[in-house]
Each structure stands twice: as structure tokens, then as C-alpha cells.
PDB file of all heavy atoms in Angstrom:
ATOM      1  N   THR A   1       8.619  26.856  -4.571  1.00  0.00           N
ATOM      2  CA  THR A   1       9.183  27.989  -3.799  1.00  0.00           C
ATOM      3  C   THR A   1      10.521  27.615  -3.176  1.00  0.00           C
ATOM      4  O   THR A   1      10.888  26.418  -3.074  1.00  0.00           O
ATOM      5  CB  THR A   1       8.287  28.349  -2.617  1.00  0.00           C
ATOM      6  OG1 THR A   1       8.102  27.270  -1.739  1.00  0.00           O
ATOM      7  CG2 THR A   1       6.873  28.829  -3.091  1.00  0.00           C
ATOM      8  N   ILE A   2      11.285  28.619  -2.745  1.00  0.00           N
ATOM      9  CA  ILE A   2      12.556  28.327  -2.057  1.00  0.00           C
ATOM     10  C   ILE A   2      12.260  27.541  -0.827  1.00  0.00           C
ATOM     11  O   ILE A   2      13.073  26.610  -0.472  1.00  0.00           O
ATOM     12  CB  ILE A   2      13.221  29.725  -1.705  1.00  0.00           C
ATOM     13  CG1 ILE A   2      13.606  30.396  -3.007  1.00  0.00           C
ATOM     14  CG2 ILE A   2      14.433  29.440  -0.816  1.00  0.00           C
ATOM     15  CD1 ILE A   2      14.218  31.836  -2.751  1.00  0.00           C
ATOM     16  N   TYR A   3      11.215  27.869  -0.124  1.00  0.00           N
ATOM     17  CA  TYR A   3      10.913  27.102   1.127  1.00  0.00           C
ATOM     18  C   TYR A   3      10.786  25.621   0.807  1.00  0.00           C
ATOM     19  O   TYR A   3      11.233  24.766   1.592  1.00  0.00           O
ATOM     20  CB  TYR A   3       9.579  27.661   1.723  1.00  0.00           C
ATOM     21  CG  TYR A   3       9.065  26.819   2.881  1.00  0.00           C
ATOM     22  CD1 TYR A   3       9.566  26.935   4.095  1.00  0.00           C
ATOM     23  CD2 TYR A   3       8.006  25.867   2.626  1.00  0.00           C
ATOM     24  CE1 TYR A   3       8.987  26.175   5.126  1.00  0.00           C
ATOM     25  CE2 TYR A   3       7.613  25.050   3.662  1.00  0.00           C
ATOM     26  CZ  TYR A   3       8.012  25.240   4.902  1.00  0.00           C
ATOM     27  OH  TYR A   3       7.504  24.405   5.897  1.00  0.00           O
ATOM     28  N   LYS A   4      10.126  25.245  -0.260  1.00  0.00           N
ATOM     29  CA  LYS A   4       9.893  23.850  -0.603  1.00  0.00           C
ATOM     30  C   LYS A   4      11.227  23.166  -0.760  1.00  0.00           C
ATOM     31  O   LYS A   4      11.420  22.043  -0.323  1.00  0.00           O
ATOM     32  CB  LYS A   4       8.995  23.691  -1.822  1.00  0.00           C
ATOM     33  CG  LYS A   4       8.714  22.260  -2.256  1.00  0.00           C
ATOM     34  CD  LYS A   4       7.715  22.162  -3.339  1.00  0.00           C
ATOM     35  CE  LYS A   4       7.468  20.683  -3.692  1.00  0.00           C
ATOM     36  NZ  LYS A   4       6.453  20.571  -4.826  1.00  0.00           N
ATOM     37  N   TYR A   5      12.088  23.794  -1.601  1.00  0.00           N
ATOM     38  CA  TYR A   5      13.420  23.114  -1.843  1.00  0.00           C
ATOM     39  C   TYR A   5      14.238  23.006  -0.647  1.00  0.00           C
ATOM     40  O   TYR A   5      14.887  21.982  -0.359  1.00  0.00           O
ATOM     41  CB  TYR A   5      14.134  23.922  -2.975  1.00  0.00           C
ATOM     42  CG  TYR A   5      13.490  23.864  -4.365  1.00  0.00           C
ATOM     43  CD1 TYR A   5      12.995  24.973  -4.976  1.00  0.00           C
ATOM     44  CD2 TYR A   5      13.490  22.633  -5.079  1.00  0.00           C
ATOM     45  CE1 TYR A   5      12.450  24.897  -6.227  1.00  0.00           C
ATOM     46  CE2 TYR A   5      12.879  22.575  -6.237  1.00  0.00           C
ATOM     47  CZ  TYR A   5      12.420  23.682  -6.845  1.00  0.00           C
ATOM     48  OH  TYR A   5      11.877  23.584  -8.137  1.00  0.00           O
ATOM     49  N   GLU A   6      14.297  24.069   0.212  1.00  0.00           N
ATOM     50  CA  GLU A   6      15.139  24.099   1.360  1.00  0.00           C
ATOM     51  C   GLU A   6      14.652  23.182   2.463  1.00  0.00           C
ATOM     52  O   GLU A   6      15.399  22.548   3.156  1.00  0.00           O
ATOM     53  CB  GLU A   6      15.182  25.522   1.879  1.00  0.00           C
ATOM     54  CG  GLU A   6      16.185  26.442   1.069  1.00  0.00           C
ATOM     55  CD  GLU A   6      16.401  27.764   1.749  1.00  0.00           C
ATOM     56  OE1 GLU A   6      15.695  28.047   2.723  1.00  0.00           O
ATOM     57  OE2 GLU A   6      17.255  28.545   1.227  1.00  0.00           O
ATOM     58  N   THR A   7      13.350  23.156   2.686  1.00  0.00           N
ATOM     59  CA  THR A   7      12.749  22.577   3.883  1.00  0.00           C
ATOM     60  C   THR A   7      12.029  21.222   3.519  1.00  0.00           C
ATOM     61  O   THR A   7      12.034  20.263   4.373  1.00  0.00           O
ATOM     62  CB  THR A   7      11.738  23.490   4.497  1.00  0.00           C
ATOM     63  OG1 THR A   7      12.342  24.780   4.694  1.00  0.00           O
ATOM     64  CG2 THR A   7      11.219  22.960   5.772  1.00  0.00           C
ATOM     65  N   VAL A   8      11.391  21.121   2.431  1.00  0.00           N
ATOM     66  CA  VAL A   8      10.439  19.970   2.228  1.00  0.00           C
ATOM     67  C   VAL A   8      11.128  18.815   1.457  1.00  0.00           C
ATOM     68  O   VAL A   8      11.085  17.675   1.840  1.00  0.00           O
ATOM     69  CB  VAL A   8       9.194  20.428   1.482  1.00  0.00           C
ATOM     70  CG1 VAL A   8       8.228  19.193   1.284  1.00  0.00           C
ATOM     71  CG2 VAL A   8       8.486  21.417   2.287  1.00  0.00           C
ATOM     72  N   ILE A   9      11.835  19.148   0.330  1.00  0.00           N
ATOM     73  CA  ILE A   9      12.427  18.116  -0.469  1.00  0.00           C
ATOM     74  C   ILE A   9      13.945  18.110  -0.541  1.00  0.00           C
ATOM     75  O   ILE A   9      14.511  17.124  -0.998  1.00  0.00           O
ATOM     76  CB  ILE A   9      11.786  18.133  -1.976  1.00  0.00           C
ATOM     77  CG1 ILE A   9      12.166  19.424  -2.658  1.00  0.00           C
ATOM     78  CG2 ILE A   9      10.369  17.883  -1.922  1.00  0.00           C
ATOM     79  CD1 ILE A   9      11.795  19.390  -4.110  1.00  0.00           C
ATOM     80  N   GLY A  10      14.494  19.184  -0.165  1.00  0.00           N
ATOM     81  CA  GLY A  10      15.978  19.289  -0.283  1.00  0.00           C
ATOM     82  C   GLY A  10      16.657  18.208   0.511  1.00  0.00           C
ATOM     83  O   GLY A  10      16.338  17.966   1.688  1.00  0.00           O
ATOM     84  N   ASP A  11      17.661  17.485  -0.125  1.00  0.00           N
ATOM     85  CA  ASP A  11      18.477  16.458   0.505  1.00  0.00           C
ATOM     86  C   ASP A  11      17.674  15.303   1.043  1.00  0.00           C
ATOM     87  O   ASP A  11      18.057  14.624   1.993  1.00  0.00           O
ATOM     88  CB  ASP A  11      19.407  17.051   1.624  1.00  0.00           C
ATOM     89  CG  ASP A  11      20.338  18.115   1.030  1.00  0.00           C
ATOM     90  OD1 ASP A  11      20.867  17.929  -0.012  1.00  0.00           O
ATOM     91  OD2 ASP A  11      20.459  19.136   1.682  1.00  0.00           O
ATOM     92  N   ARG A  12      16.487  15.030   0.546  1.00  0.00           N
ATOM     93  CA  ARG A  12      15.671  13.890   0.913  1.00  0.00           C
ATOM     94  C   ARG A  12      15.692  12.818  -0.244  1.00  0.00           C
ATOM     95  O   ARG A  12      15.914  13.148  -1.360  1.00  0.00           O
ATOM     96  CB  ARG A  12      14.170  14.344   1.135  1.00  0.00           C
ATOM     97  CG  ARG A  12      13.994  15.084   2.411  1.00  0.00           C
ATOM     98  CD  ARG A  12      12.426  15.285   2.574  1.00  0.00           C
ATOM     99  NE  ARG A  12      11.777  14.025   2.600  1.00  0.00           N
ATOM    100  CZ  ARG A  12      10.401  13.954   2.471  1.00  0.00           C
ATOM    101  NH1 ARG A  12       9.654  15.061   2.265  1.00  0.00           N
ATOM    102  NH2 ARG A  12       9.794  12.756   2.471  1.00  0.00           N
ATOM    103  N   VAL A  13      15.439  11.624   0.270  1.00  0.00           N
ATOM    104  CA  VAL A  13      15.365  10.465  -0.672  1.00  0.00           C
ATOM    105  C   VAL A  13      13.896  10.011  -0.624  1.00  0.00           C
ATOM    106  O   VAL A  13      13.392   9.678   0.429  1.00  0.00           O
ATOM    107  CB  VAL A  13      16.313   9.383  -0.341  1.00  0.00           C
ATOM    108  CG1 VAL A  13      16.088   8.134  -1.320  1.00  0.00           C
ATOM    109  CG2 VAL A  13      17.724   9.826  -0.459  1.00  0.00           C
ATOM    110  N   ILE A  14      13.283   9.910  -1.792  1.00  0.00           N
ATOM    111  CA  ILE A  14      11.847   9.453  -1.931  1.00  0.00           C
ATOM    112  C   ILE A  14      11.900   8.135  -2.719  1.00  0.00           C
ATOM    113  O   ILE A  14      12.494   8.025  -3.745  1.00  0.00           O
ATOM    114  CB  ILE A  14      11.065  10.455  -2.600  1.00  0.00           C
ATOM    115  CG1 ILE A  14      11.032  11.778  -1.808  1.00  0.00           C
ATOM    116  CG2 ILE A  14       9.568  10.074  -2.721  1.00  0.00           C
ATOM    117  CD1 ILE A  14      10.464  12.956  -2.572  1.00  0.00           C
ATOM    118  N   ALA A  15      11.229   7.115  -2.181  1.00  0.00           N
ATOM    119  CA  ALA A  15      11.122   5.852  -2.856  1.00  0.00           C
ATOM    120  C   ALA A  15       9.656   5.347  -2.895  1.00  0.00           C
ATOM    121  O   ALA A  15       8.928   5.546  -2.015  1.00  0.00           O
ATOM    122  CB  ALA A  15      12.026   4.757  -2.158  1.00  0.00           C
ATOM    123  N   GLU A  16       9.291   4.894  -4.149  1.00  0.00           N
ATOM    124  CA  GLU A  16       7.923   4.500  -4.325  1.00  0.00           C
ATOM    125  C   GLU A  16       7.959   3.149  -5.122  1.00  0.00           C
ATOM    126  O   GLU A  16       8.802   2.935  -6.026  1.00  0.00           O
ATOM    127  CB  GLU A  16       7.093   5.434  -5.089  1.00  0.00           C
ATOM    128  CG  GLU A  16       6.857   6.757  -4.383  1.00  0.00           C
ATOM    129  CD  GLU A  16       5.888   7.662  -5.038  1.00  0.00           C
ATOM    130  OE1 GLU A  16       5.022   7.068  -5.728  1.00  0.00           O
ATOM    131  OE2 GLU A  16       6.000   8.890  -4.985  1.00  0.00           O
ATOM    132  N   ASN A  17       7.055   2.324  -4.803  1.00  0.00           N
ATOM    133  CA  ASN A  17       6.797   1.023  -5.551  1.00  0.00           C
ATOM    134  C   ASN A  17       5.502   0.930  -6.112  1.00  0.00           C
ATOM    135  O   ASN A  17       4.477   1.381  -5.523  1.00  0.00           O
ATOM    136  CB  ASN A  17       6.927  -0.194  -4.551  1.00  0.00           C
ATOM    137  CG  ASN A  17       8.401  -0.589  -4.220  1.00  0.00           C
ATOM    138  OD1 ASN A  17       9.203  -0.542  -5.176  1.00  0.00           O
ATOM    139  ND2 ASN A  17       8.635  -0.841  -3.029  1.00  0.00           N
ATOM    140  N   ARG A  18       5.432   0.473  -7.415  1.00  0.00           N
ATOM    141  CA  ARG A  18       4.205   0.117  -8.091  1.00  0.00           C
ATOM    142  C   ARG A  18       4.224  -1.294  -8.434  1.00  0.00           C
ATOM    143  O   ARG A  18       5.226  -1.975  -8.249  1.00  0.00           O
ATOM    144  CB  ARG A  18       3.948   1.079  -9.235  1.00  0.00           C
ATOM    145  CG  ARG A  18       3.805   2.542  -8.921  1.00  0.00           C
ATOM    146  CD  ARG A  18       2.485   2.775  -8.091  1.00  0.00           C
ATOM    147  NE  ARG A  18       2.217   4.242  -8.018  1.00  0.00           N
ATOM    148  CZ  ARG A  18       2.702   5.020  -6.957  1.00  0.00           C
ATOM    149  NH1 ARG A  18       3.490   4.425  -6.014  1.00  0.00           N
ATOM    150  NH2 ARG A  18       2.410   6.304  -6.926  1.00  0.00           N
ATOM    151  N   GLU A  19       3.198  -1.792  -9.088  1.00  0.00           N
ATOM    152  CA  GLU A  19       3.124  -3.219  -9.396  1.00  0.00           C
ATOM    153  C   GLU A  19       4.213  -3.583 -10.341  1.00  0.00           C
ATOM    154  O   GLU A  19       4.852  -4.703 -10.160  1.00  0.00           O
ATOM    155  CB  GLU A  19       1.752  -3.563 -10.056  1.00  0.00           C
ATOM    156  CG  GLU A  19       1.578  -5.032 -10.381  1.00  0.00           C
ATOM    157  CD  GLU A  19       0.211  -5.370 -10.943  1.00  0.00           C
ATOM    158  OE1 GLU A  19      -0.666  -4.387 -11.022  1.00  0.00           O
ATOM    159  OE2 GLU A  19       0.002  -6.456 -11.368  1.00  0.00           O
ATOM    160  N   ASN A  20       4.594  -2.854 -11.342  1.00  0.00           N
ATOM    161  CA  ASN A  20       5.514  -3.266 -12.368  1.00  0.00           C
ATOM    162  C   ASN A  20       6.775  -2.311 -12.429  1.00  0.00           C
ATOM    163  O   ASN A  20       7.583  -2.441 -13.346  1.00  0.00           O
ATOM    164  CB  ASN A  20       4.859  -3.365 -13.755  1.00  0.00           C
ATOM    165  CG  ASN A  20       3.823  -4.374 -13.848  1.00  0.00           C
ATOM    166  OD1 ASN A  20       4.088  -5.553 -13.361  1.00  0.00           O
ATOM    167  ND2 ASN A  20       2.753  -4.100 -14.502  1.00  0.00           N
ATOM    168  N   CYS A  21       6.845  -1.388 -11.457  1.00  0.00           N
ATOM    169  CA  CYS A  21       8.079  -0.551 -11.551  1.00  0.00           C
ATOM    170  C   CYS A  21       8.271   0.107 -10.140  1.00  0.00           C
ATOM    171  O   CYS A  21       7.325   0.166  -9.280  1.00  0.00           O
ATOM    172  CB  CYS A  21       7.851   0.560 -12.587  1.00  0.00           C
ATOM    173  SG  CYS A  21       6.279   1.482 -12.454  1.00  0.00           S
ATOM    174  N   SER A  22       9.496   0.498  -9.872  1.00  0.00           N
ATOM    175  CA  SER A  22       9.892   1.228  -8.687  1.00  0.00           C
ATOM    176  C   SER A  22      10.661   2.419  -8.990  1.00  0.00           C
ATOM    177  O   SER A  22      11.331   2.445 -10.093  1.00  0.00           O
ATOM    178  CB  SER A  22      10.707   0.262  -7.764  1.00  0.00           C
ATOM    179  OG  SER A  22       9.931  -0.867  -7.465  1.00  0.00           O
ATOM    180  N   LEU A  23      10.724   3.436  -8.139  1.00  0.00           N
ATOM    181  CA  LEU A  23      11.378   4.656  -8.369  1.00  0.00           C
ATOM    182  C   LEU A  23      12.133   5.104  -7.094  1.00  0.00           C
ATOM    183  O   LEU A  23      11.567   4.983  -5.990  1.00  0.00           O
ATOM    184  CB  LEU A  23      10.363   5.749  -8.739  1.00  0.00           C
ATOM    185  CG  LEU A  23      10.916   7.199  -8.944  1.00  0.00           C
ATOM    186  CD1 LEU A  23      10.186   7.805 -10.157  1.00  0.00           C
ATOM    187  CD2 LEU A  23      10.685   7.993  -7.648  1.00  0.00           C
ATOM    188  N   ILE A  24      13.446   5.526  -7.202  1.00  0.00           N
ATOM    189  CA  ILE A  24      14.163   6.156  -6.169  1.00  0.00           C
ATOM    190  C   ILE A  24      14.477   7.572  -6.664  1.00  0.00           C
ATOM    191  O   ILE A  24      15.114   7.744  -7.682  1.00  0.00           O
ATOM    192  CB  ILE A  24      15.438   5.375  -5.874  1.00  0.00           C
ATOM    193  CG1 ILE A  24      15.080   3.884  -5.516  1.00  0.00           C
ATOM    194  CG2 ILE A  24      16.241   6.044  -4.790  1.00  0.00           C
ATOM    195  CD1 ILE A  24      16.323   2.953  -5.431  1.00  0.00           C
TER     196      ILE A  24
END
């Protein structure tokens, strides 16, 4: 939804680590 993009994930940086890989 528009709400999700504007409020939840818009202009945010998410970073995750796993055993053999990482994601930004």
C-alpha cells in the first residue's frame, strides 16, 4: 500500500546478516 511505502519502508535502510552472506 501507499501507507507502507510512505510510512514503513520509505527512506529506510535495512541490513541483515546471515552465516555466509549479508544484505544492505
